[in-house]
C-alpha atoms as a PDB file:
ATOM      1  CA  MET A   1     104.197  78.502  98.720  1.00  0.00           C
ATOM      2  CA  THR A   2     107.790  79.149  98.775  1.00  0.00           C
ATOM      3  CA  ASP A   3     109.786  81.193 101.871  1.00  0.00           C
ATOM      4  CA  ALA A   4     112.460  82.806  99.687  1.00  0.00           C
ATOM      5  CA  LYS A   5     113.237  86.426 100.310  1.00  0.00           C
ATOM      6  CA  LEU A   6     114.441  88.804  97.780  1.00  0.00           C
ATOM      7  CA  SER A   7     116.890  91.508  98.858  1.00  0.00           C
ATOM      8  CA  PHE A   8     117.759  94.639  96.972  1.00  0.00           C
ATOM      9  CA  PRO A   9     120.608  96.981  97.745  1.00  0.00           C
ATOM     10  CA  ALA A  10     120.263 100.214  98.783  1.00  0.00           C
ATOM     11  CA  ILE A  11     121.469 102.819  96.211  1.00  0.00           C
ATOM     12  CA  THR A  12     121.622 105.981  98.296  1.00  0.00           C
ATOM     13  CA  ARG A  13     125.134 106.600  97.852  1.00  0.00           C
ATOM     14  CA  ARG A  14     124.758 107.937  93.829  1.00  0.00           C
ATOM     15  CA  ALA A  15     122.707 111.065  92.754  1.00  0.00           C
ATOM     16  CA  PRO A  16     119.362 109.922  91.360  1.00  0.00           C
ATOM     17  CA  LEU A  17     118.857 109.531  87.273  1.00  0.00           C
ATOM     18  CA  PRO A  18     117.442 112.694  86.027  1.00  0.00           C
ATOM     19  CA  HIS A  19     113.916 111.235  85.340  1.00  0.00           C
ATOM     20  CA  ILE A  20     113.836 110.055  88.753  1.00  0.00           C
ATOM     21  CA  LEU A  21     115.004 113.394  90.058  1.00  0.00           C
ATOM     22  CA  ARG A  22     112.171 115.158  87.933  1.00  0.00           C
ATOM     23  CA  ARG A  23     109.475 112.979  89.569  1.00  0.00           C
ATOM     24  CA  LEU A  24     110.808 113.557  92.845  1.00  0.00           C
ATOM     25  CA  ALA A  25     110.727 117.544  92.257  1.00  0.00           C
ATOM     26  CA  GLU A  26     106.904 116.873  90.889  1.00  0.00           C
ATOM     27  CA  THR A  27     105.877 115.054  94.068  1.00  0.00           C
ATOM     28  CA  ASN A  28     107.842 117.089  96.645  1.00  0.00           C
ATOM     29  CA  LEU A  29     105.157 118.780  98.010  1.00  0.00           C
ATOM     30  CA  LEU A  30     102.098 116.358  97.859  1.00  0.00           C
ATOM     31  CA  GLN A  31     100.583 115.910 101.188  1.00  0.00           C
ATOM     32  CA  THR A  32     100.508 112.066 101.785  1.00  0.00           C
ATOM     33  CA  PRO A  33     100.255 109.760 105.222  1.00  0.00           C
ATOM     34  CA  GLY A  34     103.870 108.232 106.386  1.00  0.00           C
ATOM     35  CA  TYR A  35     106.450 106.323 104.352  1.00  0.00           C
ATOM     36  CA  GLY A  36     104.708 102.963 103.561  1.00  0.00           C
ATOM     37  CA  LEU A  37     101.217 103.978 104.019  1.00  0.00           C
ATOM     38  CA  ASP A  38     101.101 106.174 100.983  1.00  0.00           C
ATOM     39  CA  SER A  39      99.826 105.412  97.211  1.00  0.00           C
ATOM     40  CA  PHE A  40     103.405 105.510  95.934  1.00  0.00           C
ATOM     41  CA  SER A  41     104.381 102.756  98.262  1.00  0.00           C
ATOM     42  CA  GLN A  42     101.479 100.592  97.186  1.00  0.00           C
ATOM     43  CA  SER A  43     102.393 100.947  93.629  1.00  0.00           C
ATOM     44  CA  ALA A  44     105.699 100.006  94.121  1.00  0.00           C
ATOM     45  CA  ARG A  45     104.379  97.194  96.431  1.00  0.00           C
ATOM     46  CA  GLU A  46     102.441  96.079  93.391  1.00  0.00           C
ATOM     47  CA  LYS A  47     105.170  96.646  90.672  1.00  0.00           C
ATOM     48  CA  LEU A  48     107.605  94.256  92.844  1.00  0.00           C
ATOM     49  CA  ARG A  49     105.009  91.826  93.042  1.00  0.00           C
ATOM     50  CA  LYS A  50     104.473  91.722  89.313  1.00  0.00           C
ATOM     51  CA  ALA A  51     108.165  91.637  88.560  1.00  0.00           C
ATOM     52  CA  CYS A  52     108.757  88.631  90.812  1.00  0.00           C
ATOM     53  CA  ALA A  53     105.751  86.859  89.400  1.00  0.00           C
ATOM     54  CA  ALA A  54     104.341  86.772  93.168  1.00  0.00           C
ATOM     55  CA  PRO A  55     100.851  88.351  93.276  1.00  0.00           C
ATOM     56  CA  GLU A  56     100.517  87.088  96.903  1.00  0.00           C
ATOM     57  CA  ALA A  57     103.697  88.367  98.127  1.00  0.00           C
ATOM     58  CA  GLN A  58     104.176  90.294 101.312  1.00  0.00           C
ATOM     59  CA  VAL A  59     106.384  93.169 100.564  1.00  0.00           C
ATOM     60  CA  HIS A  60     107.970  95.117 103.265  1.00  0.00           C
ATOM     61  CA  LEU A  61     109.370  98.581 102.107  1.00  0.00           C
ATOM     62  CA  PHE A  62     111.951  99.892 104.822  1.00  0.00           C
ATOM     63  CA  TYR A  63     112.765 103.354 105.352  1.00  0.00           C
ATOM     64  CA  ARG A  64     116.869 103.820 105.813  1.00  0.00           C
ATOM     65  CA  ARG A  65     118.027 107.020 106.678  1.00  0.00           C
ATOM     66  CA  ALA A  66     120.911 108.331 104.496  1.00  0.00           C
ATOM     67  CA  LEU A  67     124.114 108.623 106.945  1.00  0.00           C
END
């Protein structure tokens, strides 16, 4: 096991790509638990684990408010 940590920079200073903007509009009115507790966050964790070939990795999502 390794203690390597990966970090991904925020991309909040650019407009979202059209397909992302469409998906945001589709899901905008869904009622979900707080950020990090919803099915979207769980799906993101699973995709990150798969992309990093680390099925047991701890994935922490952080909310950063745009300034």
